[in-house]
Amino acid sequence: MDLSIVILHHNSPDEVSENLQALSRAWLPLHTEVFVVNNGKKGANAFIPFERNFKFDLRFFEIENLGYPQGNNFGLRMAAGKALCILNPDVKVQPDTFRVLLDYLEAHPKVGLVAPRLRYPDGRIQDNYRVFPRPFDLLVKRTFLRRFFGSRMRRYLMWDKDATVSEPVDWLTGAFHLMPRKVWEVAKPNDERFFLFMSDVDLSRHIWEKGYEVHFVGATEAAHLEGRLSGGGILDFFRKKTLRIHVLDAARYYLKYAFRRFPKKSPSGCALPRF
C-alpha cells in the first residue's frame, strides 16, 4: 500500500461525500486506501453514497466518540500505507495536492510532516502554519485582547509569511497532515489525553524532537470549508462546549510541557515557552 488516508467525521456525511468526490478526481498513488471513521451519530456513514468505481480502497467504520486523537489513531493503526494522511472531512483536495506533497517528502527525507496551503471558500488563505503557542497567545486570540495585541497575533499566526513559499514551521494545524509511516512509528500515535484540540501542536512538537522537520508546502493547496470550533471570547466560555474543551486541552498541553524548551531545531529554537 502506498498511501493511507483517514477521514474522521462527527456526523457530517455531506462533507465526507464532497471530500471523497474530490479525492476521486485527484491524482493518487496506485495503491491508496481510505478509512472513513464516524464518531458521531450512529449510522451516519449510511448516508454517504458508496461508489464502486472509486479508484481507492474505501472502508467505513463507526466508533464511540472518545476524542479526535483517538478517532484518528483508530484509522492509523489499521493503515498499511508508506505514507499516512489525516484529512478532515471539510477539506477538498486539488488534482495535484497529493502528487506535490509526496514528491516533496521524497525529495526531503528529513521532513516528517507536511501540509498544503489551505484556502477558504471566499478565497482567503488559512493560517494553518503557526509558531508554537505560548499561553498568552491563546488567551489573546480568544478574547477582546486581540484588539490590543495585534503584533502578538501577527507573530503567532505568521501573517507576514508568503503562503506560496515552502519552508519549515513550528507546527501545522490538524485539518491536513501527511507523514511517512516511519515518522508516525517513531513519533508514536496521537496523545489521547487530548480530546479535540492541541494534539496537532503536540504531534508537530514530537516530530521535531525526534529529529525530523515539519514543513508547510506552498506549491499546492486544498479547499477548507472550516468553521472555527474554538472561536469565541470570555462570555462564550460559559456558552460553548467546544471552547471549554479547548481551554482544558490547552491546560493539559502546558502541564505536559511545563518549563521545557521548544525543540532545538524547530524555528522557535531554544526559546522557553514562557507566558
Foldseek 3Di string as FASTA:
>chain_A
DAEEEEEEDALDQVLQLQQQVLVQLADDPQAYEYEYEYQHPPPSPVPHDDDPPRSYHYDYYYDHQLADLVRQVVRVVPDDHQKYKYAYSQKRFHRCQVVVVVVVCVVAVQAFKEDEFEAEPVGDTALQFFAQDFPVLVQCQAAPVCVVPVVSVCRGSVVVDDLQDKDFGQFGDRNMMMGGPVLCVQLDGQDSVQHYDDSRNVSSQSSLQSRGTYMYHNNGYIYGHDDDLQHHHDVCCVVHPSVVSVVVNVVVVCVVQPQHAGRQPGPVHRDTSHD
